[in-house]
């Protein structure tokens, strides 16, 4: 069961990453940040449970940074539109 949950967490992060790479999502969008937060939080909990400290550090920081970005996206001041590339 842990493996299925681990794969689900990884797929959330990878889906967000792929969507940004294929320009289907912006890296500052709420959905991108939420997918990263959910996936990294799942993987951090599993890493803690298995005493995988390096993986816990990676995923824990990933979750914290994603949570901060999502907080700013939800409650921070509006961001100025980004300039488009030519």
C-alpha atoms as a PDB file:
ATOM      1  CA  UNK A   1       0.000   0.000   0.000  1.00  0.00           C
ATOM      2  CA  UNK A   2       2.844   2.421   0.796  1.00  0.00           C
ATOM      3  CA  UNK A   3       4.170   1.954  -2.734  1.00  0.00           C
ATOM      4  CA  UNK A   4       0.830   2.918  -4.290  1.00  0.00           C
ATOM      5  CA  UNK A   5       0.623   6.053  -2.120  1.00  0.00           C
ATOM      6  CA  UNK A   6       4.242   6.892  -2.957  1.00  0.00           C
ATOM      7  CA  UNK A   7       3.572   6.552  -6.679  1.00  0.00           C
ATOM      8  CA  UNK A   8       0.454   8.731  -6.343  1.00  0.00           C
ATOM      9  CA  UNK A   9       2.483  11.468  -4.601  1.00  0.00           C
ATOM     10  CA  UNK A  10       5.176  11.308  -7.263  1.00  0.00           C
ATOM     11  CA  UNK A  11       2.581  11.453 -10.048  1.00  0.00           C
ATOM     12  CA  UNK A  12       1.077  14.641  -8.592  1.00  0.00           C
ATOM     13  CA  UNK A  13       4.472  16.365  -8.704  1.00  0.00           C
ATOM     14  CA  UNK A  14       5.322  14.986 -12.124  1.00  0.00           C
ATOM     15  CA  UNK A  15       1.952  15.964 -13.602  1.00  0.00           C
ATOM     16  CA  UNK A  16       2.480  19.554 -12.464  1.00  0.00           C
ATOM     17  CA  UNK A  17       6.040  19.571 -13.808  1.00  0.00           C
ATOM     18  CA  UNK A  18       4.998  18.172 -17.184  1.00  0.00           C
ATOM     19  CA  UNK A  19       2.110  20.641 -17.461  1.00  0.00           C
ATOM     20  CA  UNK A  20       4.503  23.558 -16.968  1.00  0.00           C
ATOM     21  CA  UNK A  21       7.021  22.135 -19.434  1.00  0.00           C
ATOM     22  CA  UNK A  22       4.321  21.741 -22.086  1.00  0.00           C
ATOM     23  CA  UNK A  23       2.983  25.227 -21.288  1.00  0.00           C
ATOM     24  CA  UNK A  24      -0.386  23.916 -20.078  1.00  0.00           C
ATOM     25  CA  UNK A  25       0.075  25.519 -16.668  1.00  0.00           C
ATOM     26  CA  UNK A  26       2.009  28.401 -15.144  1.00  0.00           C
ATOM     27  CA  UNK A  27       4.490  27.695 -12.330  1.00  0.00           C
ATOM     28  CA  UNK A  28       2.846  30.359 -10.166  1.00  0.00           C
ATOM     29  CA  UNK A  29      -0.693  29.016 -10.661  1.00  0.00           C
ATOM     30  CA  UNK A  30      -2.656  27.783  -7.686  1.00  0.00           C
ATOM     31  CA  UNK A  31      -3.205  24.345  -9.190  1.00  0.00           C
ATOM     32  CA  UNK A  32       0.519  23.874  -9.867  1.00  0.00           C
ATOM     33  CA  UNK A  33       1.381  24.862  -6.314  1.00  0.00           C
ATOM     34  CA  UNK A  34      -1.399  22.705  -4.857  1.00  0.00           C
ATOM     35  CA  UNK A  35      -0.265  19.649  -6.838  1.00  0.00           C
ATOM     36  CA  UNK A  36       3.311  20.172  -5.657  1.00  0.00           C
ATOM     37  CA  UNK A  37       2.207  20.670  -2.062  1.00  0.00           C
ATOM     38  CA  UNK A  38       0.019  17.560  -2.033  1.00  0.00           C
ATOM     39  CA  UNK A  39       2.585  15.346  -3.739  1.00  0.00           C
ATOM     40  CA  UNK A  40       5.550  16.492  -1.670  1.00  0.00           C
ATOM     41  CA  UNK A  41       3.587  16.306   1.590  1.00  0.00           C
ATOM     42  CA  UNK A  42       2.606  12.694   0.826  1.00  0.00           C
ATOM     43  CA  UNK A  43       6.200  11.793   0.019  1.00  0.00           C
ATOM     44  CA  UNK A  44       7.510  13.635   3.102  1.00  0.00           C
ATOM     45  CA  UNK A  45       5.178  11.703   5.406  1.00  0.00           C
ATOM     46  CA  UNK A  46       6.235   8.414   3.828  1.00  0.00           C
ATOM     47  CA  UNK A  47       9.914   9.383   4.111  1.00  0.00           C
ATOM     48  CA  UNK A  48       9.442  10.211   7.790  1.00  0.00           C
ATOM     49  CA  UNK A  49       7.649   6.920   8.378  1.00  0.00           C
ATOM     50  CA  UNK A  50      10.516   5.006   6.756  1.00  0.00           C
ATOM     51  CA  UNK A  51      13.275   7.115   8.423  1.00  0.00           C
ATOM     52  CA  UNK A  52      14.632   8.249   5.042  1.00  0.00           C
ATOM     53  CA  UNK A  53      16.116  11.518   6.290  1.00  0.00           C
ATOM     54  CA  UNK A  54      17.590  12.815   3.040  1.00  0.00           C
ATOM     55  CA  UNK A  55      14.330  12.212   1.208  1.00  0.00           C
ATOM     56  CA  UNK A  56      12.419  13.781   4.110  1.00  0.00           C
ATOM     57  CA  UNK A  57      14.601  16.893   3.849  1.00  0.00           C
ATOM     58  CA  UNK A  58      14.016  17.160   0.107  1.00  0.00           C
ATOM     59  CA  UNK A  59      10.272  16.594   0.216  1.00  0.00           C
ATOM     60  CA  UNK A  60       9.753  18.553   3.439  1.00  0.00           C
ATOM     61  CA  UNK A  61      11.404  21.652   1.999  1.00  0.00           C
ATOM     62  CA  UNK A  62       9.538  21.125  -1.281  1.00  0.00           C
ATOM     63  CA  UNK A  63       6.253  21.025   0.662  1.00  0.00           C
ATOM     64  CA  UNK A  64       7.120  24.136   2.711  1.00  0.00           C
ATOM     65  CA  UNK A  65       8.120  26.157  -0.354  1.00  0.00           C
ATOM     66  CA  UNK A  66       4.997  25.012  -2.205  1.00  0.00           C
ATOM     67  CA  UNK A  67       2.832  25.899   0.802  1.00  0.00           C
ATOM     68  CA  UNK A  68       4.393  29.362   0.983  1.00  0.00           C
ATOM     69  CA  UNK A  69       3.868  29.914  -2.745  1.00  0.00           C
ATOM     70  CA  UNK A  70       0.257  28.760  -2.500  1.00  0.00           C
ATOM     71  CA  UNK A  71      -0.328  31.047   0.510  1.00  0.00           C
ATOM     72  CA  UNK A  72       1.012  34.002  -1.468  1.00  0.00           C
ATOM     73  CA  UNK A  73      -1.086  33.036  -4.498  1.00  0.00           C
ATOM     74  CA  UNK A  74      -4.214  32.837  -2.354  1.00  0.00           C
ATOM     75  CA  UNK A  75      -3.749  35.679   0.122  1.00  0.00           C
ATOM     76  CA  UNK A  76      -0.866  37.836  -1.074  1.00  0.00           C
ATOM     77  CA  UNK A  77      -1.083  41.012  -3.073  1.00  0.00           C
ATOM     78  CA  UNK A  78      -2.032  40.584  -6.731  1.00  0.00           C
ATOM     79  CA  UNK A  79       0.944  39.968  -8.972  1.00  0.00           C
ATOM     80  CA  UNK A  80       1.640  42.132 -11.967  1.00  0.00           C
ATOM     81  CA  UNK A  81       1.172  40.292 -15.266  1.00  0.00           C
ATOM     82  CA  UNK A  82       4.407  38.897 -16.653  1.00  0.00           C
ATOM     83  CA  UNK A  83       5.686  40.221 -19.959  1.00  0.00           C
ATOM     84  CA  UNK A  84       5.299  37.801 -22.840  1.00  0.00           C
ATOM     85  CA  UNK A  85       8.219  36.597 -24.926  1.00  0.00           C
ATOM     86  CA  UNK A  86       8.461  37.491 -28.570  1.00  0.00           C
END
